[in-house]
């Protein structure tokens, strides 16, 4: 069985949704093959009151079924949410407890 194509992945995504205003897409990169992109406008954790666009590209591994692809997409969404939680979970001084951009990464 062959791996899903970017076109097939895009069709699968068109039948699913995540949170309001989250854009999930797949495109064919000339250099890397199928690439998943999630994009949403979020509050800027370092500039309260300002918005920023969270845009994450991820190379899609070889997936052979819709279920396998959706499981992988879910793993990427969870990873993005963990990142955001680490940015916004703060101590009483306002400093992130587990800053994903800090030394601990």
N, C-alpha and C. Protein backbone atom coordinates (compact mmCIF):
# COMPACT_ATOMS: atom_id res chain seq x y z
N UNK A 1 0.84 -1.19 0.00
CA UNK A 1 0.00 0.00 0.00
C UNK A 1 0.89 1.25 0.00
N UNK A 2 0.50 2.22 -0.80
CA UNK A 2 1.27 3.45 -0.93
C UNK A 2 0.92 4.44 0.18
N UNK A 3 1.81 5.39 0.40
CA UNK A 3 1.56 6.45 1.37
C UNK A 3 0.52 7.42 0.80
N UNK A 4 -0.21 8.08 1.68
CA UNK A 4 -1.17 9.09 1.26
C UNK A 4 -0.44 10.26 0.61
N UNK A 5 -1.08 10.88 -0.35
CA UNK A 5 -0.53 12.06 -1.00
C UNK A 5 -0.99 13.31 -0.26
N UNK A 6 -0.35 14.43 -0.54
CA UNK A 6 -0.76 15.70 0.06
C UNK A 6 -2.21 16.02 -0.29
N UNK A 7 -2.63 15.72 -1.51
CA UNK A 7 -4.00 15.97 -1.94
C UNK A 7 -4.98 15.13 -1.13
N UNK A 8 -4.65 13.87 -0.89
CA UNK A 8 -5.52 13.00 -0.08
C UNK A 8 -5.58 13.49 1.36
N UNK A 9 -4.45 13.93 1.90
CA UNK A 9 -4.41 14.44 3.27
C UNK A 9 -5.26 15.70 3.39
N UNK A 10 -5.18 16.57 2.40
CA UNK A 10 -5.95 17.82 2.40
C UNK A 10 -7.45 17.50 2.37
N UNK A 11 -7.82 16.50 1.59
CA UNK A 11 -9.23 16.10 1.52
C UNK A 11 -9.69 15.57 2.88
N UNK A 12 -8.86 14.80 3.54
CA UNK A 12 -9.19 14.28 4.87
C UNK A 12 -9.38 15.45 5.85
N UNK A 13 -8.45 16.40 5.83
CA UNK A 13 -8.56 17.56 6.73
C UNK A 13 -9.82 18.36 6.46
N UNK A 14 -10.26 18.41 5.21
CA UNK A 14 -11.45 19.20 4.87
C UNK A 14 -12.70 18.67 5.56
N UNK A 15 -12.66 17.43 6.03
CA UNK A 15 -13.81 16.82 6.71
C UNK A 15 -13.68 16.86 8.24
N UNK A 16 -12.68 17.57 8.71
CA UNK A 16 -12.43 17.64 10.15
C UNK A 16 -12.19 19.09 10.56
N UNK A 17 -12.36 19.37 11.84
CA UNK A 17 -12.10 20.72 12.35
C UNK A 17 -11.51 20.63 13.74
N UNK A 18 -10.85 21.70 14.13
CA UNK A 18 -10.31 21.79 15.48
C UNK A 18 -11.02 22.96 16.15
N UNK A 19 -10.32 23.84 16.76
CA UNK A 19 -10.93 24.98 17.45
C UNK A 19 -11.30 26.07 16.44
N UNK A 20 -12.24 26.95 16.84
CA UNK A 20 -12.57 28.08 15.95
C UNK A 20 -11.31 28.87 15.58
N UNK A 21 -11.25 29.27 14.35
CA UNK A 21 -10.18 30.12 13.79
C UNK A 21 -8.86 29.40 13.56
N UNK A 22 -8.77 28.11 13.85
CA UNK A 22 -7.55 27.35 13.56
C UNK A 22 -7.63 26.89 12.10
N UNK A 23 -6.60 27.19 11.34
CA UNK A 23 -6.52 26.76 9.95
C UNK A 23 -5.53 25.59 9.86
N UNK A 24 -6.02 24.44 9.43
CA UNK A 24 -5.18 23.26 9.26
C UNK A 24 -5.14 22.93 7.77
N UNK A 25 -3.96 22.80 7.22
CA UNK A 25 -3.83 22.51 5.80
C UNK A 25 -2.62 21.62 5.54
N UNK A 26 -2.55 21.10 4.35
CA UNK A 26 -1.40 20.32 3.89
C UNK A 26 -1.06 20.82 2.50
N UNK A 27 0.22 20.98 2.25
CA UNK A 27 0.65 21.35 0.90
C UNK A 27 1.86 20.50 0.53
N UNK A 28 2.12 20.43 -0.74
CA UNK A 28 3.24 19.65 -1.26
C UNK A 28 4.46 20.55 -1.39
N UNK A 29 5.45 20.33 -0.56
CA UNK A 29 6.70 21.08 -0.64
C UNK A 29 7.57 20.47 -1.74
N UNK A 30 8.13 21.33 -2.56
CA UNK A 30 8.98 20.84 -3.65
C UNK A 30 10.19 20.09 -3.13
N UNK A 31 10.63 20.42 -1.92
CA UNK A 31 11.84 19.82 -1.38
C UNK A 31 11.58 18.72 -0.36
N UNK A 32 10.45 18.81 0.34
CA UNK A 32 10.25 17.91 1.47
C UNK A 32 9.02 17.01 1.37
N UNK A 33 8.21 17.18 0.34
CA UNK A 33 7.00 16.37 0.25
C UNK A 33 5.87 16.98 1.06
N UNK A 34 4.88 16.16 1.45
CA UNK A 34 3.71 16.69 2.16
C UNK A 34 4.11 17.41 3.45
N UNK A 35 3.58 18.62 3.61
CA UNK A 35 3.88 19.44 4.77
C UNK A 35 2.56 19.91 5.38
N UNK A 36 2.41 19.68 6.67
CA UNK A 36 1.23 20.09 7.43
C UNK A 36 1.47 21.47 8.00
N UNK A 37 0.47 22.34 7.93
CA UNK A 37 0.58 23.68 8.51
C UNK A 37 -0.64 23.95 9.36
N UNK A 38 -0.38 24.38 10.59
CA UNK A 38 -1.46 24.88 11.45
C UNK A 38 -1.19 26.35 11.69
N UNK A 39 -2.27 27.13 11.66
CA UNK A 39 -2.11 28.57 11.82
C UNK A 39 -3.32 29.13 12.55
N UNK A 40 -3.04 30.00 13.53
CA UNK A 40 -4.11 30.64 14.29
C UNK A 40 -3.57 31.93 14.92
N UNK A 41 -4.42 32.92 15.03
CA UNK A 41 -4.03 34.14 15.73
C UNK A 41 -4.28 33.91 17.23
N UNK A 42 -3.26 34.15 18.04
CA UNK A 42 -3.35 33.92 19.48
C UNK A 42 -2.84 35.15 20.23
N UNK A 43 -3.11 35.18 21.54
CA UNK A 43 -2.54 36.24 22.36
C UNK A 43 -1.04 36.03 22.46
N UNK A 44 -0.30 37.12 22.38
CA UNK A 44 1.16 37.07 22.47
C UNK A 44 1.53 36.93 23.95
N UNK A 45 2.15 35.81 24.32
CA UNK A 45 2.47 35.56 25.72
C UNK A 45 3.49 36.54 26.28
N UNK A 46 4.32 37.13 25.43
CA UNK A 46 5.33 38.07 25.93
C UNK A 46 4.88 39.53 25.84
N UNK A 47 3.75 39.78 25.18
CA UNK A 47 3.19 41.13 25.05
C UNK A 47 1.69 41.06 25.31
N UNK A 48 1.26 40.98 26.59
CA UNK A 48 -0.17 40.87 26.90
C UNK A 48 -0.99 41.94 26.19
N UNK A 49 -2.13 41.53 25.69
CA UNK A 49 -3.01 42.44 24.97
C UNK A 49 -2.74 42.50 23.48
N UNK A 50 -1.61 41.99 23.05
CA UNK A 50 -1.29 41.96 21.62
C UNK A 50 -1.54 40.57 21.06
N UNK A 51 -1.79 40.52 19.79
CA UNK A 51 -2.01 39.25 19.09
C UNK A 51 -0.80 38.92 18.23
N UNK A 52 -0.61 37.64 17.99
CA UNK A 52 0.44 37.18 17.08
C UNK A 52 -0.09 35.96 16.34
N UNK A 53 0.47 35.68 15.20
CA UNK A 53 0.06 34.51 14.43
C UNK A 53 0.98 33.35 14.78
N UNK A 54 0.36 32.29 15.28
CA UNK A 54 1.07 31.05 15.53
C UNK A 54 0.99 30.24 14.25
N UNK A 55 2.11 30.02 13.61
CA UNK A 55 2.15 29.24 12.38
C UNK A 55 3.22 28.18 12.49
N UNK A 56 2.82 26.94 12.38
CA UNK A 56 3.76 25.83 12.55
C UNK A 56 3.68 24.92 11.34
N UNK A 57 4.83 24.68 10.72
CA UNK A 57 4.94 23.73 9.61
C UNK A 57 5.59 22.46 10.11
N UNK A 58 5.08 21.32 9.68
CA UNK A 58 5.65 20.02 10.07
C UNK A 58 5.65 19.10 8.86
N UNK A 59 6.79 18.47 8.62
CA UNK A 59 6.85 17.49 7.54
C UNK A 59 6.04 16.27 7.95
N UNK A 60 5.19 15.82 7.06
CA UNK A 60 4.33 14.67 7.36
C UNK A 60 5.11 13.38 7.08
N UNK A 61 5.15 12.48 8.06
CA UNK A 61 5.81 11.20 7.80
C UNK A 61 4.97 10.37 6.83
N UNK A 62 5.53 9.29 6.34
CA UNK A 62 4.75 8.40 5.47
C UNK A 62 3.60 7.80 6.27
N UNK A 63 2.39 8.16 5.89
CA UNK A 63 1.20 7.59 6.51
C UNK A 63 0.41 6.86 5.44
N UNK A 64 -0.18 5.75 5.81
CA UNK A 64 -0.83 4.90 4.83
C UNK A 64 -2.35 4.83 4.96
N UNK A 65 -2.88 5.48 5.97
CA UNK A 65 -4.34 5.45 6.15
C UNK A 65 -4.83 6.76 6.74
N UNK A 66 -6.11 6.99 6.60
CA UNK A 66 -6.72 8.19 7.18
C UNK A 66 -6.51 8.20 8.70
N UNK A 67 -6.75 7.07 9.34
CA UNK A 67 -6.61 6.98 10.79
C UNK A 67 -5.17 7.32 11.23
N UNK A 68 -4.21 6.78 10.53
CA UNK A 68 -2.81 7.04 10.86
C UNK A 68 -2.49 8.52 10.69
N UNK A 69 -2.98 9.12 9.64
CA UNK A 69 -2.76 10.55 9.41
C UNK A 69 -3.41 11.38 10.51
N UNK A 70 -4.66 11.07 10.86
CA UNK A 70 -5.35 11.84 11.89
C UNK A 70 -4.70 11.69 13.26
N UNK A 71 -4.18 10.51 13.56
CA UNK A 71 -3.46 10.32 14.81
C UNK A 71 -2.21 11.21 14.84
N UNK A 72 -1.53 11.30 13.70
CA UNK A 72 -0.34 12.14 13.62
C UNK A 72 -0.72 13.62 13.76
N UNK A 73 -1.81 14.05 13.08
CA UNK A 73 -2.27 15.44 13.20
C UNK A 73 -2.59 15.74 14.66
N UNK A 74 -3.28 14.83 15.33
CA UNK A 74 -3.61 15.05 16.74
C UNK A 74 -2.33 15.22 17.57
N UNK A 75 -1.31 14.46 17.28
CA UNK A 75 -0.05 14.59 18.03
C UNK A 75 0.56 15.97 17.83
N UNK A 76 0.44 16.53 16.65
CA UNK A 76 0.96 17.87 16.37
C UNK A 76 0.13 18.93 17.11
N UNK A 77 -1.19 18.76 17.14
CA UNK A 77 -2.05 19.70 17.86
C UNK A 77 -1.74 19.67 19.35
N UNK A 78 -1.56 18.48 19.90
CA UNK A 78 -1.23 18.35 21.32
C UNK A 78 0.11 19.04 21.61
N UNK A 79 1.08 18.83 20.75
CA UNK A 79 2.39 19.46 20.94
C UNK A 79 2.27 20.99 20.93
N UNK A 80 1.46 21.53 20.03
CA UNK A 80 1.26 22.99 19.98
C UNK A 80 0.58 23.49 21.25
N UNK A 81 -0.40 22.75 21.74
CA UNK A 81 -1.10 23.15 22.97
C UNK A 81 -0.17 23.09 24.18
N UNK A 82 0.68 22.07 24.24
CA UNK A 82 1.66 21.97 25.33
C UNK A 82 2.59 23.18 25.30
N UNK A 83 3.04 23.55 24.12
CA UNK A 83 3.91 24.72 23.97
C UNK A 83 3.22 25.97 24.50
N UNK A 84 1.96 26.18 24.11
CA UNK A 84 1.22 27.35 24.55
C UNK A 84 1.01 27.33 26.07
N UNK A 85 0.69 26.17 26.62
CA UNK A 85 0.50 26.05 28.07
C UNK A 85 1.79 26.42 28.80
N UNK A 86 2.92 26.00 28.28
CA UNK A 86 4.20 26.32 28.91
C UNK A 86 4.49 27.82 28.86
N UNK A 87 4.04 28.49 27.81
CA UNK A 87 4.23 29.94 27.72
C UNK A 87 3.35 30.70 28.71
N UNK A 88 2.14 30.23 28.94
CA UNK A 88 1.17 30.98 29.72
C UNK A 88 1.08 30.57 31.19
N UNK A 89 1.64 29.43 31.59
CA UNK A 89 1.64 29.02 32.99
C UNK A 89 2.76 29.75 33.69
N UNK A 90 2.39 30.67 34.59
CA UNK A 90 3.37 31.60 35.16
C UNK A 90 3.33 31.60 36.69
N UNK A 91 4.44 32.02 37.28
CA UNK A 91 4.49 32.18 38.74
C UNK A 91 3.94 33.55 39.12
N UNK A 92 3.94 33.87 40.40
CA UNK A 92 3.33 35.12 40.87
C UNK A 92 4.05 36.37 40.36
N UNK A 93 5.29 36.22 39.89
CA UNK A 93 6.01 37.37 39.33
C UNK A 93 5.72 37.56 37.84
N UNK A 94 4.99 36.61 37.26
CA UNK A 94 4.67 36.69 35.84
C UNK A 94 5.63 35.94 34.94
N UNK A 95 6.62 35.29 35.55
CA UNK A 95 7.61 34.54 34.76
C UNK A 95 7.08 33.14 34.44
N UNK A 96 7.22 32.69 33.16
CA UNK A 96 6.79 31.33 32.83
C UNK A 96 7.53 30.29 33.68
N UNK A 97 6.79 29.35 34.22
CA UNK A 97 7.38 28.30 35.05
C UNK A 97 8.19 27.34 34.19
N UNK A 98 7.67 27.03 33.01
CA UNK A 98 8.33 26.07 32.10
C UNK A 98 8.45 26.72 30.71
N UNK A 99 9.20 27.78 30.62
CA UNK A 99 9.31 28.58 29.39
C UNK A 99 9.88 27.74 28.24
N UNK A 100 9.07 27.52 27.17
CA UNK A 100 9.56 26.75 26.04
C UNK A 100 10.65 27.46 25.24
N UNK A 101 10.80 28.76 25.48
CA UNK A 101 11.81 29.54 24.78
C UNK A 101 13.02 29.81 25.67
N UNK A 102 12.97 29.32 26.89
CA UNK A 102 14.05 29.54 27.83
C UNK A 102 15.14 28.49 27.72
N UNK A 103 16.00 28.45 28.71
CA UNK A 103 17.14 27.52 28.71
C UNK A 103 16.71 26.06 28.70
N UNK A 104 15.59 25.76 29.36
CA UNK A 104 15.12 24.37 29.41
C UNK A 104 14.49 23.94 28.10
N UNK A 105 14.07 24.94 27.30
CA UNK A 105 13.46 24.66 26.00
C UNK A 105 12.26 23.86 26.14
